[in-house]
Amino acid sequence: MFRCDGEVNRYRKHVPGVWAGDETCGWFILPATARRPLALRIMAASGEGWEHVSVSTATRCPTWEEMHYVKGLFWGPEDVVMQLHPAASEYVNKHPFCLHLWRPIEAAIPTPPRIMVG
């Protein structure tokens, strides 16, 4: 289930004239830490049957560990979310260092057999 718990909510940013979100959606900037050397800029939204979180940094794409961390902020440990590689004709790149997490609201994401994942 899409959520915005206290850990991430304290980093919510309110920008005048820009959509501020609701209890689950909005803009967030997680500051750099010893374990995360760069700030993570996050936009969380839901609509048209999807939950969506975009994650970016100023100088590089987020790492797998950073994406995994953000996944845990917005979804539970047993929720399946995905990163998509769309068809070339559908591709949009608005930021060179941004990755996205997606989860359909009304459908389960199929997953391969467990033996193939690890």
PDB file of N, CA and C in Angstrom:
ATOM      1  N   MET A   1       0.845  -1.187   0.000  1.00  0.00           N
ATOM      2  CA  MET A   1       0.000   0.000   0.000  1.00  0.00           C
ATOM      3  C   MET A   1       0.887   1.246   0.000  1.00  0.00           C
ATOM      4  N   PHE A   2       0.560   2.185  -0.840  1.00  0.00           N
ATOM      5  CA  PHE A   2       1.275   3.452  -0.929  1.00  0.00           C
ATOM      6  C   PHE A   2       1.097   4.203   0.376  1.00  0.00           C
ATOM      7  N   ARG A   3       2.190   4.687   0.917  1.00  0.00           N
ATOM      8  CA  ARG A   3       2.112   5.397   2.193  1.00  0.00           C
ATOM      9  C   ARG A   3       3.208   6.447   2.261  1.00  0.00           C
ATOM     10  N   CYS A   4       3.054   7.316   3.189  1.00  0.00           N
ATOM     11  CA  CYS A   4       4.073   8.332   3.443  1.00  0.00           C
ATOM     12  C   CYS A   4       4.211   8.399   4.955  1.00  0.00           C
ATOM     13  N   ASP A   5       5.158   7.626   5.486  1.00  0.00           N
ATOM     14  CA  ASP A   5       5.280   7.576   6.937  1.00  0.00           C
ATOM     15  C   ASP A   5       6.069   8.766   7.469  1.00  0.00           C
ATOM     16  N   GLY A   6       6.163   8.851   8.783  1.00  0.00           N
ATOM     17  CA  GLY A   6       6.815   9.978   9.436  1.00  0.00           C
ATOM     18  C   GLY A   6       8.242  10.210   9.002  1.00  0.00           C
ATOM     19  N   GLU A   7       8.972   9.147   8.694  1.00  0.00           N
ATOM     20  CA  GLU A   7      10.374   9.304   8.322  1.00  0.00           C
ATOM     21  C   GLU A   7      10.529  10.182   7.092  1.00  0.00           C
ATOM     22  N   VAL A   8       9.746   9.939   6.061  1.00  0.00           N
ATOM     23  CA  VAL A   8       9.864  10.733   4.841  1.00  0.00           C
ATOM     24  C   VAL A   8       9.044  12.018   4.928  1.00  0.00           C
ATOM     25  N   ASN A   9       7.943  12.003   5.638  1.00  0.00           N
ATOM     26  CA  ASN A   9       7.064  13.164   5.693  1.00  0.00           C
ATOM     27  C   ASN A   9       7.749  14.395   6.282  1.00  0.00           C
ATOM     28  N   ARG A  10       8.706  14.198   7.156  1.00  0.00           N
ATOM     29  CA  ARG A  10       9.394  15.364   7.734  1.00  0.00           C
ATOM     30  C   ARG A  10      10.265  16.090   6.708  1.00  0.00           C
ATOM     31  N   TYR A  11      10.495  15.447   5.544  1.00  0.00           N
ATOM     32  CA  TYR A  11      11.285  16.068   4.480  1.00  0.00           C
ATOM     33  C   TYR A  11      10.410  16.611   3.349  1.00  0.00           C
ATOM     34  N   ARG A  12       9.107  16.675   3.603  1.00  0.00           N
ATOM     35  CA  ARG A  12       8.168  17.210   2.606  1.00  0.00           C
ATOM     36  C   ARG A  12       8.491  18.675   2.334  1.00  0.00           C
ATOM     37  N   LYS A  13       8.451  19.052   1.059  1.00  0.00           N
ATOM     38  CA  LYS A  13       8.724  20.429   0.660  1.00  0.00           C
ATOM     39  C   LYS A  13       7.444  21.056   0.120  1.00  0.00           C
ATOM     40  N   HIS A  14       7.172  22.258   0.575  1.00  0.00           N
ATOM     41  CA  HIS A  14       6.027  23.022   0.090  1.00  0.00           C
ATOM     42  C   HIS A  14       6.561  24.184  -0.728  1.00  0.00           C
ATOM     43  N   VAL A  15       6.245  24.166  -2.001  1.00  0.00           N
ATOM     44  CA  VAL A  15       6.690  25.210  -2.916  1.00  0.00           C
ATOM     45  C   VAL A  15       5.461  26.012  -3.332  1.00  0.00           C
ATOM     46  N   PRO A  16       5.449  27.328  -3.046  1.00  0.00           N
ATOM     47  CA  PRO A  16       4.273  28.128  -3.406  1.00  0.00           C
ATOM     48  C   PRO A  16       3.932  28.005  -4.892  1.00  0.00           C
ATOM     49  N   GLY A  17       2.652  27.764  -5.165  1.00  0.00           N
ATOM     50  CA  GLY A  17       2.192  27.662  -6.535  1.00  0.00           C
ATOM     51  C   GLY A  17       2.421  26.311  -7.180  1.00  0.00           C
ATOM     52  N   VAL A  18       3.019  25.366  -6.448  1.00  0.00           N
ATOM     53  CA  VAL A  18       3.293  24.033  -6.983  1.00  0.00           C
ATOM     54  C   VAL A  18       2.494  23.026  -6.170  1.00  0.00           C
ATOM     55  N   TRP A  19       1.982  22.013  -6.840  1.00  0.00           N
ATOM     56  CA  TRP A  19       1.209  20.968  -6.179  1.00  0.00           C
ATOM     57  C   TRP A  19       1.960  20.453  -4.955  1.00  0.00           C
ATOM     58  N   ALA A  20       1.314  20.473  -3.801  1.00  0.00           N
ATOM     59  CA  ALA A  20       1.955  20.067  -2.551  1.00  0.00           C
ATOM     60  C   ALA A  20       1.675  18.631  -2.176  1.00  0.00           C
ATOM     61  N   GLY A  21       0.701  17.990  -2.817  1.00  0.00           N
ATOM     62  CA  GLY A  21       0.417  16.591  -2.521  1.00  0.00           C
ATOM     63  C   GLY A  21      -0.629  16.433  -1.439  1.00  0.00           C
ATOM     64  N   ASP A  22      -0.671  15.220  -0.904  1.00  0.00           N
ATOM     65  CA  ASP A  22      -1.605  14.886   0.159  1.00  0.00           C
ATOM     66  C   ASP A  22      -0.866  14.016   1.161  1.00  0.00           C
ATOM     67  N   GLU A  23      -1.613  13.187   1.904  1.00  0.00           N
ATOM     68  CA  GLU A  23      -0.955  12.372   2.932  1.00  0.00           C
ATOM     69  C   GLU A  23      -0.020  11.310   2.362  1.00  0.00           C
ATOM     70  N   THR A  24      -0.127  10.994   1.078  1.00  0.00           N
ATOM     71  CA  THR A  24       0.767   9.995   0.492  1.00  0.00           C
ATOM     72  C   THR A  24       1.637  10.550  -0.619  1.00  0.00           C
ATOM     73  N   CYS A  25       1.293  11.688  -1.154  1.00  0.00           N
ATOM     74  CA  CYS A  25       1.977  12.189  -2.336  1.00  0.00           C
ATOM     75  C   CYS A  25       2.585  13.562  -2.078  1.00  0.00           C
ATOM     76  N   GLY A  26       3.538  13.942  -2.899  1.00  0.00           N
ATOM     77  CA  GLY A  26       4.127  15.267  -2.791  1.00  0.00           C
ATOM     78  C   GLY A  26       5.593  15.271  -3.175  1.00  0.00           C
ATOM     79  N   TRP A  27       6.274  16.348  -2.813  1.00  0.00           N
ATOM     80  CA  TRP A  27       7.691  16.557  -3.089  1.00  0.00           C
ATOM     81  C   TRP A  27       8.484  16.416  -1.795  1.00  0.00           C
ATOM     82  N   PHE A  28       9.641  15.772  -1.886  1.00  0.00           N
ATOM     83  CA  PHE A  28      10.471  15.519  -0.706  1.00  0.00           C
ATOM     84  C   PHE A  28      11.949  15.667  -1.081  1.00  0.00           C
ATOM     85  N   ILE A  29      12.742  16.159  -0.171  1.00  0.00           N
ATOM     86  CA  ILE A  29      14.196  16.157  -0.350  1.00  0.00           C
ATOM     87  C   ILE A  29      14.795  15.525   0.891  1.00  0.00           C
ATOM     88  N   LEU A  30      15.379  14.328   0.714  1.00  0.00           N
ATOM     89  CA  LEU A  30      16.053  13.646   1.811  1.00  0.00           C
ATOM     90  C   LEU A  30      17.505  14.088   1.801  1.00  0.00           C
ATOM     91  N   PRO A  31      17.985  14.665   2.887  1.00  0.00           N
ATOM     92  CA  PRO A  31      19.348  15.188   2.893  1.00  0.00           C
ATOM     93  C   PRO A  31      20.393  14.072   2.813  1.00  0.00           C
ATOM     94  N   ALA A  32      21.571  14.450   2.378  1.00  0.00           N
ATOM     95  CA  ALA A  32      22.692  13.503   2.346  1.00  0.00           C
ATOM     96  C   ALA A  32      23.006  13.052   3.765  1.00  0.00           C
ATOM     97  N   THR A  33      23.485  11.819   3.881  1.00  0.00           N
ATOM     98  CA  THR A  33      23.909  11.265   5.166  1.00  0.00           C
ATOM     99  C   THR A  33      25.238  10.548   4.941  1.00  0.00           C
ATOM    100  N   ALA A  34      25.787  10.002   6.002  1.00  0.00           N
ATOM    101  CA  ALA A  34      27.024   9.227   5.871  1.00  0.00           C
ATOM    102  C   ALA A  34      26.809   8.020   4.950  1.00  0.00           C
ATOM    103  N   ARG A  35      25.632   7.425   4.999  1.00  0.00           N
ATOM    104  CA  ARG A  35      25.333   6.253   4.150  1.00  0.00           C
ATOM    105  C   ARG A  35      24.855   6.640   2.762  1.00  0.00           C
ATOM    106  N   ARG A  36      24.287   7.852   2.627  1.00  0.00           N
ATOM    107  CA  ARG A  36      23.800   8.369   1.343  1.00  0.00           C
ATOM    108  C   ARG A  36      24.512   9.687   1.078  1.00  0.00           C
ATOM    109  N   PRO A  37      25.583   9.684   0.293  1.00  0.00           N
ATOM    110  CA  PRO A  37      26.381  10.901   0.140  1.00  0.00           C
ATOM    111  C   PRO A  37      25.713  12.031  -0.635  1.00  0.00           C
ATOM    112  N   LEU A  38      24.605  11.748  -1.315  1.00  0.00           N
ATOM    113  CA  LEU A  38      23.897  12.792  -2.055  1.00  0.00           C
ATOM    114  C   LEU A  38      22.459  12.902  -1.565  1.00  0.00           C
ATOM    115  N   ALA A  39      21.918  14.106  -1.602  1.00  0.00           N
ATOM    116  CA  ALA A  39      20.504  14.294  -1.286  1.00  0.00           C
ATOM    117  C   ALA A  39      19.663  13.585  -2.336  1.00  0.00           C
ATOM    118  N   LEU A  40      18.547  13.013  -1.898  1.00  0.00           N
ATOM    119  CA  LEU A  40      17.606  12.366  -2.814  1.00  0.00           C
ATOM    120  C   LEU A  40      16.394  13.271  -2.981  1.00  0.00           C
ATOM    121  N   ARG A  41      16.098  13.615  -4.208  1.00  0.00           N
ATOM    122  CA  ARG A  41      14.922  14.427  -4.529  1.00  0.00           C
ATOM    123  C   ARG A  41      13.839  13.471  -5.005  1.00  0.00           C
ATOM    124  N   ILE A  42      12.690  13.538  -4.363  1.00  0.00           N
ATOM    125  CA  ILE A  42      11.628  12.556  -4.588  1.00  0.00           C
ATOM    126  C   ILE A  42      10.318  13.252  -4.914  1.00  0.00           C
ATOM    127  N   MET A  43       9.609  12.730  -5.897  1.00  0.00           N
ATOM    128  CA  MET A  43       8.253  13.155  -6.184  1.00  0.00           C
ATOM    129  C   MET A  43       7.385  11.904  -6.148  1.00  0.00           C
ATOM    130  N   ALA A  44       6.363  11.907  -5.307  1.00  0.00           N
ATOM    131  CA  ALA A  44       5.450  10.761  -5.190  1.00  0.00           C
ATOM    132  C   ALA A  44       4.066  11.201  -5.652  1.00  0.00           C
ATOM    133  N   ALA A  45       3.439  10.371  -6.487  1.00  0.00           N
ATOM    134  CA  ALA A  45       2.119  10.701  -7.014  1.00  0.00           C
ATOM    135  C   ALA A  45       1.334   9.422  -7.262  1.00  0.00           C
ATOM    136  N   SER A  46       0.029   9.562  -7.336  1.00  0.00           N
ATOM    137  CA  SER A  46      -0.810   8.442  -7.745  1.00  0.00           C
ATOM    138  C   SER A  46      -1.932   8.989  -8.602  1.00  0.00           C
ATOM    139  N   GLY A  47      -2.317   8.193  -9.572  1.00  0.00           N
ATOM    140  CA  GLY A  47      -3.393   8.590 -10.463  1.00  0.00           C
ATOM    141  C   GLY A  47      -3.422   7.701 -11.684  1.00  0.00           C
ATOM    142  N   GLU A  48      -4.563   7.694 -12.352  1.00  0.00           N
ATOM    143  CA  GLU A  48      -4.772   6.891 -13.553  1.00  0.00           C
ATOM    144  C   GLU A  48      -4.418   5.426 -13.341  1.00  0.00           C
ATOM    145  N   GLY A  49      -4.653   4.946 -12.112  1.00  0.00           N
ATOM    146  CA  GLY A  49      -4.447   3.539 -11.805  1.00  0.00           C
ATOM    147  C   GLY A  49      -3.038   3.161 -11.370  1.00  0.00           C
ATOM    148  N   TRP A  50      -2.176   4.152 -11.136  1.00  0.00           N
ATOM    149  CA  TRP A  50      -0.784   3.874 -10.785  1.00  0.00           C
ATOM    150  C   TRP A  50      -0.324   4.652  -9.570  1.00  0.00           C
ATOM    151  N   GLU A  51       0.566   4.033  -8.797  1.00  0.00           N
ATOM    152  CA  GLU A  51       1.360   4.728  -7.783  1.00  0.00           C
ATOM    153  C   GLU A  51       2.741   4.919  -8.407  1.00  0.00           C
ATOM    154  N   HIS A  52       3.329   6.093  -8.225  1.00  0.00           N
ATOM    155  CA  HIS A  52       4.583   6.428  -8.901  1.00  0.00           C
ATOM    156  C   HIS A  52       5.473   7.257  -7.989  1.00  0.00           C
ATOM    157  N   VAL A  53       6.742   6.898  -7.948  1.00  0.00           N
ATOM    158  CA  VAL A  53       7.742   7.674  -7.216  1.00  0.00           C
ATOM    159  C   VAL A  53       8.936   7.881  -8.134  1.00  0.00           C
ATOM    160  N   SER A  54       9.337   9.138  -8.313  1.00  0.00           N
ATOM    161  CA  SER A  54      10.559   9.421  -9.055  1.00  0.00           C
ATOM    162  C   SER A  54      11.629   9.843  -8.064  1.00  0.00           C
ATOM    163  N   VAL A  55      12.858   9.426  -8.337  1.00  0.00           N
ATOM    164  CA  VAL A  55      13.987   9.684  -7.440  1.00  0.00           C
ATOM    165  C   VAL A  55      15.132  10.220  -8.280  1.00  0.00           C
ATOM    166  N   SER A  56      15.712  11.331  -7.858  1.00  0.00           N
ATOM    167  CA  SER A  56      16.856  11.880  -8.586  1.00  0.00           C
ATOM    168  C   SER A  56      17.880  12.452  -7.612  1.00  0.00           C
ATOM    169  N   THR A  57      19.090  12.633  -8.132  1.00  0.00           N
ATOM    170  CA  THR A  57      20.144  13.348  -7.422  1.00  0.00           C
ATOM    171  C   THR A  57      20.656  14.426  -8.372  1.00  0.00           C
ATOM    172  N   ALA A  58      21.517  15.273  -7.884  1.00  0.00           N
ATOM    173  CA  ALA A  58      22.027  16.376  -8.697  1.00  0.00           C
ATOM    174  C   ALA A  58      23.071  15.938  -9.714  1.00  0.00           C
ATOM    175  N   THR A  59      23.802  14.843  -9.455  1.00  0.00           N
ATOM    176  CA  THR A  59      24.974  14.551 -10.285  1.00  0.00           C
ATOM    177  C   THR A  59      25.043  13.144 -10.881  1.00  0.00           C
ATOM    178  N   ARG A  60      24.118  12.241 -10.503  1.00  0.00           N
ATOM    179  CA  ARG A  60      24.159  10.876 -11.032  1.00  0.00           C
ATOM    180  C   ARG A  60      22.810  10.223 -10.792  1.00  0.00           C
ATOM    181  N   CYS A  61      22.580   9.108 -11.490  1.00  0.00           N
ATOM    182  CA  CYS A  61      21.366   8.336 -11.235  1.00  0.00           C
ATOM    183  C   CYS A  61      21.441   7.705  -9.847  1.00  0.00           C
ATOM    184  N   PRO A  62      20.315   7.539  -9.180  1.00  0.00           N
ATOM    185  CA  PRO A  62      20.315   6.845  -7.888  1.00  0.00           C
ATOM    186  C   PRO A  62      20.830   5.417  -8.026  1.00  0.00           C
ATOM    187  N   THR A  63      21.465   4.936  -6.974  1.00  0.00           N
ATOM    188  CA  THR A  63      21.952   3.560  -6.947  1.00  0.00           C
ATOM    189  C   THR A  63      20.803   2.605  -6.616  1.00  0.00           C
ATOM    190  N   TRP A  64      21.084   1.294  -6.793  1.00  0.00           N
ATOM    191  CA  TRP A  64      20.090   0.293  -6.426  1.00  0.00           C
ATOM    192  C   TRP A  64      19.758   0.423  -4.937  1.00  0.00           C
ATOM    193  N   GLU A  65      20.756   0.608  -4.098  1.00  0.00           N
ATOM    194  CA  GLU A  65      20.527   0.734  -2.658  1.00  0.00           C
ATOM    195  C   GLU A  65      19.641   1.934  -2.338  1.00  0.00           C
ATOM    196  N   GLU A  66      19.861   3.052  -3.020  1.00  0.00           N
ATOM    197  CA  GLU A  66      19.035   4.239  -2.790  1.00  0.00           C
ATOM    198  C   GLU A  66      17.601   4.002  -3.247  1.00  0.00           C
ATOM    199  N   MET A  67      17.425   3.358  -4.387  1.00  0.00           N
ATOM    200  CA  MET A  67      16.074   3.059  -4.870  1.00  0.00           C
ATOM    201  C   MET A  67      15.364   2.078  -3.930  1.00  0.00           C
ATOM    202  N   HIS A  68      16.099   1.107  -3.436  1.00  0.00           N
ATOM    203  CA  HIS A  68      15.537   0.141  -2.487  1.00  0.00           C
ATOM    204  C   HIS A  68      15.101   0.856  -1.200  1.00  0.00           C
ATOM    205  N   TYR A  69      15.911   1.773  -0.731  1.00  0.00           N
ATOM    206  CA  TYR A  69      15.576   2.556   0.467  1.00  0.00           C
ATOM    207  C   TYR A  69      14.285   3.347   0.242  1.00  0.00           C
ATOM    208  N   VAL A  70      14.194   4.037  -0.895  1.00  0.00           N
ATOM    209  CA  VAL A  70      13.004   4.835  -1.197  1.00  0.00           C
ATOM    210  C   VAL A  70      11.780   3.940  -1.350  1.00  0.00           C
ATOM    211  N   LYS A  71      11.949   2.772  -1.977  1.00  0.00           N
ATOM    212  CA  LYS A  71      10.829   1.832  -2.092  1.00  0.00           C
ATOM    213  C   LYS A  71      10.260   1.541  -0.706  1.00  0.00           C
ATOM    214  N   GLY A  72      11.125   1.338   0.277  1.00  0.00           N
ATOM    215  CA  GLY A  72      10.687   1.044   1.634  1.00  0.00           C
ATOM    216  C   GLY A  72      10.011   2.208   2.345  1.00  0.00           C
ATOM    217  N   LEU A  73      10.251   3.425   1.881  1.00  0.00           N
ATOM    218  CA  LEU A  73       9.590   4.589   2.472  1.00  0.00           C
ATOM    219  C   LEU A  73       8.135   4.711   2.034  1.00  0.00           C
ATOM    220  N   PHE A  74       7.840   4.248   0.816  1.00  0.00           N
ATOM    221  CA  PHE A  74       6.508   4.447   0.253  1.00  0.00           C
ATOM    222  C   PHE A  74       5.679   3.180   0.137  1.00  0.00           C
ATOM    223  N   TRP A  75       6.315   2.021   0.224  1.00  0.00           N
ATOM    224  CA  TRP A  75       5.596   0.753   0.145  1.00  0.00           C
ATOM    225  C   TRP A  75       6.105  -0.187   1.221  1.00  0.00           C
ATOM    226  N   GLY A  76       5.331  -1.222   1.503  1.00  0.00           N
ATOM    227  CA  GLY A  76       5.710  -2.213   2.492  1.00  0.00           C
ATOM    228  C   GLY A  76       6.719  -3.213   1.951  1.00  0.00           C
ATOM    229  N   PRO A  77       7.334  -3.994   2.845  1.00  0.00           N
ATOM    230  CA  PRO A  77       8.372  -4.932   2.433  1.00  0.00           C
ATOM    231  C   PRO A  77       7.870  -6.036   1.498  1.00  0.00           C
ATOM    232  N   GLU A  78       6.590  -6.369   1.543  1.00  0.00           N
ATOM    233  CA  GLU A  78       6.048  -7.413   0.665  1.00  0.00           C
ATOM    234  C   GLU A  78       5.386  -6.859  -0.593  1.00  0.00           C
ATOM    235  N   ASP A  79       5.338  -5.540  -0.735  1.00  0.00           N
ATOM    236  CA  ASP A  79       4.781  -4.953  -1.949  1.00  0.00           C
ATOM    237  C   ASP A  79       5.785  -5.084  -3.083  1.00  0.00           C
ATOM    238  N   VAL A  80       5.294  -5.429  -4.261  1.00  0.00           N
ATOM    239  CA  VAL A  80       6.125  -5.532  -5.458  1.00  0.00           C
ATOM    240  C   VAL A  80       5.956  -4.234  -6.242  1.00  0.00           C
ATOM    241  N   VAL A  81       7.049  -3.575  -6.558  1.00  0.00           N
ATOM    242  CA  VAL A  81       7.045  -2.387  -7.413  1.00  0.00           C
ATOM    243  C   VAL A  81       8.047  -2.627  -8.531  1.00  0.00           C
ATOM    244  N   MET A  82       8.027  -1.787  -9.550  1.00  0.00           N
ATOM    245  CA  MET A  82       8.907  -2.038 -10.689  1.00  0.00           C
ATOM    246  C   MET A  82       9.511  -0.754 -11.237  1.00  0.00           C
ATOM    247  N   GLN A  83      10.638  -0.927 -11.902  1.00  0.00           N
ATOM    248  CA  GLN A  83      11.216   0.087 -12.763  1.00  0.00           C
ATOM    249  C   GLN A  83      10.920  -0.371 -14.185  1.00  0.00           C
ATOM    250  N   LEU A  84      10.551   0.554 -15.056  1.00  0.00           N
ATOM    251  CA  LEU A  84      10.168   0.200 -16.419  1.00  0.00           C
ATOM    252  C   LEU A  84      11.183   0.711 -17.434  1.00  0.00           C
ATOM    253  N   HIS A  85      11.373  -0.051 -18.460  1.00  0.00           N
ATOM    254  CA  HIS A  85      12.130   0.381 -19.633  1.00  0.00           C
ATOM    255  C   HIS A  85      11.119   0.415 -20.770  1.00  0.00           C
ATOM    256  N   PRO A  86      10.521   1.581 -21.032  1.00  0.00           N
ATOM    257  CA  PRO A  86       9.441   1.648 -22.018  1.00  0.00           C
ATOM    258  C   PRO A  86       9.933   1.484 -23.447  1.00  0.00           C
ATOM    259  N   ALA A  87       8.985   1.283 -24.343  1.00  0.00           N
ATOM    260  CA  ALA A  87       9.298   1.249 -25.774  1.00  0.00           C
ATOM    261  C   ALA A  87       9.930   2.580 -26.172  1.00  0.00           C
ATOM    262  N   ALA A  88      10.821   2.546 -27.128  1.00  0.00           N
ATOM    263  CA  ALA A  88      11.520   3.761 -27.564  1.00  0.00           C
ATOM    264  C   ALA A  88      10.540   4.867 -27.947  1.00  0.00           C
ATOM    265  N   SER A  89       9.437   4.501 -28.563  1.00  0.00           N
ATOM    266  CA  SER A  89       8.457   5.503 -28.982  1.00  0.00           C
ATOM    267  C   SER A  89       7.731   6.155 -27.809  1.00  0.00           C
ATOM    268  N   GLU A  90       7.787   5.549 -26.622  1.00  0.00           N
ATOM    269  CA  GLU A  90       7.107   6.064 -25.442  1.00  0.00           C
ATOM    270  C   GLU A  90       8.069   6.719 -24.444  1.00  0.00           C
ATOM    271  N   TYR A  91       9.347   6.683 -24.728  1.00  0.00           N
ATOM    272  CA  TYR A  91      10.353   7.144 -23.773  1.00  0.00           C
ATOM    273  C   TYR A  91      10.335   8.662 -23.635  1.00  0.00           C
ATOM    274  N   VAL A  92      10.405   9.134 -22.382  1.00  0.00           N
ATOM    275  CA  VAL A  92      10.485  10.556 -22.071  1.00  0.00           C
ATOM    276  C   VAL A  92      11.618  10.730 -21.065  1.00  0.00           C
ATOM    277  N   ASN A  93      12.507  11.665 -21.301  1.00  0.00           N
ATOM    278  CA  ASN A  93      13.602  11.926 -20.374  1.00  0.00           C
ATOM    279  C   ASN A  93      13.587  13.407 -20.024  1.00  0.00           C
ATOM    280  N   LYS A  94      13.036  13.722 -18.844  1.00  0.00           N
ATOM    281  CA  LYS A  94      12.968  15.113 -18.405  1.00  0.00           C
ATOM    282  C   LYS A  94      14.103  15.472 -17.455  1.00  0.00           C
ATOM    283  N   HIS A  95      14.846  14.477 -17.003  1.00  0.00           N
ATOM    284  CA  HIS A  95      15.955  14.725 -16.078  1.00  0.00           C
ATOM    285  C   HIS A  95      16.969  13.605 -16.271  1.00  0.00           C
ATOM    286  N   PRO A  96      18.242  13.919 -16.508  1.00  0.00           N
ATOM    287  CA  PRO A  96      19.223  12.866 -16.823  1.00  0.00           C
ATOM    288  C   PRO A  96      19.574  11.947 -15.659  1.00  0.00           C
ATOM    289  N   PHE A  97      19.252  12.348 -14.427  1.00  0.00           N
ATOM    290  CA  PHE A  97      19.640  11.540 -13.266  1.00  0.00           C
ATOM    291  C   PHE A  97      18.425  11.098 -12.456  1.00  0.00           C
ATOM    292  N   CYS A  98      17.341  10.757 -13.135  1.00  0.00           N
ATOM    293  CA  CYS A  98      16.091  10.398 -12.468  1.00  0.00           C
ATOM    294  C   CYS A  98      15.685   8.973 -12.824  1.00  0.00           C
ATOM    295  N   LEU A  99      15.297   8.196 -11.805  1.00  0.00           N
ATOM    296  CA  LEU A  99      14.738   6.860 -11.993  1.00  0.00           C
ATOM    297  C   LEU A  99      13.351   6.824 -11.357  1.00  0.00           C
ATOM    298  N   HIS A 100      12.540   5.855 -11.777  1.00  0.00           N
ATOM    299  CA  HIS A 100      11.146   5.805 -11.352  1.00  0.00           C
ATOM    300  C   HIS A 100      10.781   4.429 -10.804  1.00  0.00           C
ATOM    301  N   LEU A 101       9.890   4.428  -9.832  1.00  0.00           N
ATOM    302  CA  LEU A 101       9.276   3.217  -9.303  1.00  0.00           C
ATOM    303  C   LEU A 101       7.781   3.296  -9.585  1.00  0.00           C
ATOM    304  N   TRP A 102       7.210   2.174 -10.024  1.00  0.00           N
ATOM    305  CA  TRP A 102       5.800   2.126 -10.400  1.00  0.00           C
ATOM    306  C   TRP A 102       5.119   0.932  -9.749  1.00  0.00           C
ATOM    307  N   ARG A 103       3.829   1.112  -9.452  1.00  0.00           N
ATOM    308  CA  ARG A 103       3.012   0.002  -8.956  1.00  0.00           C
ATOM    309  C   ARG A 103       1.579   0.230  -9.410  1.00  0.00           C
ATOM    310  N   PRO A 104       0.992  -0.736 -10.140  1.00  0.00           N
ATOM    311  CA  PRO A 104      -0.418  -0.581 -10.512  1.00  0.00           C
ATOM    312  C   PRO A 104      -1.297  -0.740  -9.278  1.00  0.00           C
ATOM    313  N   ILE A 105      -2.358   0.035  -9.221  1.00  0.00           N
ATOM    314  CA  ILE A 105      -3.243   0.015  -8.047  1.00  0.00           C
ATOM    315  C   ILE A 105      -4.203  -1.167  -8.085  1.00  0.00           C
ATOM    316  N   GLU A 106      -4.702  -1.517  -9.243  1.00  0.00           N
ATOM    317  CA  GLU A 106      -5.756  -2.535  -9.352  1.00  0.00           C
ATOM    318  C   GLU A 106      -5.268  -3.892  -9.841  1.00  0.00           C
ATOM    319  N   ALA A 107      -3.964  -4.082  -9.999  1.00  0.00           N
ATOM    320  CA  ALA A 107      -3.469  -5.353 -10.533  1.00  0.00           C
ATOM    321  C   ALA A 107      -2.188  -5.762  -9.824  1.00  0.00           C
ATOM    322  N   ALA A 108      -1.956  -7.057  -9.774  1.00  0.00           N
ATOM    323  CA  ALA A 108      -0.701  -7.567  -9.215  1.00  0.00           C
ATOM    324  C   ALA A 108       0.362  -7.592 -10.308  1.00  0.00           C
ATOM    325  N   ILE A 109       1.581  -7.277  -9.944  1.00  0.00           N
ATOM    326  CA  ILE A 109       2.692  -7.348 -10.886  1.00  0.00           C
ATOM    327  C   ILE A 109       3.164  -8.795 -10.938  1.00  0.00           C
ATOM    328  N   PRO A 110       3.205  -9.392 -12.120  1.00  0.00           N
ATOM    329  CA  PRO A 110       3.713 -10.767 -12.192  1.00  0.00           C
ATOM    330  C   PRO A 110       5.209 -10.792 -11.876  1.00  0.00           C
ATOM    331  N   THR A 111       5.637 -11.820 -11.213  1.00  0.00           N
ATOM    332  CA  THR A 111       7.055 -11.961 -10.882  1.00  0.00           C
ATOM    333  C   THR A 111       7.555 -13.323 -11.360  1.00  0.00           C
ATOM    334  N   PRO A 112       8.838 -13.413 -11.692  1.00  0.00           N
ATOM    335  CA  PRO A 112       9.376 -14.706 -12.134  1.00  0.00           C
ATOM    336  C   PRO A 112       9.492 -15.666 -10.956  1.00  0.00           C
ATOM    337  N   PRO A 113       9.708 -16.949 -11.231  1.00  0.00           N
ATOM    338  CA  PRO A 113       9.913 -17.902 -10.140  1.00  0.00           C
ATOM    339  C   PRO A 113      11.083 -17.453  -9.254  1.00  0.00           C
ATOM    340  N   ARG A 114      10.947 -17.708  -7.988  1.00  0.00           N
ATOM    341  CA  ARG A 114      11.935 -17.275  -7.004  1.00  0.00           C
ATOM    342  C   ARG A 114      13.353 -17.732  -7.356  1.00  0.00           C
ATOM    343  N   ILE A 115      13.507 -18.910  -7.895  1.00  0.00           N
ATOM    344  CA  ILE A 115      14.817 -19.456  -8.251  1.00  0.00           C
ATOM    345  C   ILE A 115      15.514 -18.594  -9.297  1.00  0.00           C
ATOM    346  N   MET A 116      14.755 -17.853 -10.102  1.00  0.00           N
ATOM    347  CA  MET A 116      15.335 -17.025 -11.155  1.00  0.00           C
ATOM    348  C   MET A 116      15.721 -15.622 -10.678  1.00  0.00           C
ATOM    349  N   VAL A 117      15.267 -15.225  -9.497  1.00  0.00           N
ATOM    350  CA  VAL A 117      15.478 -13.862  -9.019  1.00  0.00           C
ATOM    351  C   VAL A 117      16.831 -13.711  -8.318  1.00  0.00           C
ATOM    352  N   GLY A 118      17.238 -14.661  -7.523  1.00  0.00           N
ATOM    353  CA  GLY A 118      18.464 -14.535  -6.725  1.00  0.00           C
ATOM    354  C   GLY A 118      19.629 -15.001  -7.465  1.00  0.00           C
TER     355      GLY A 118
END
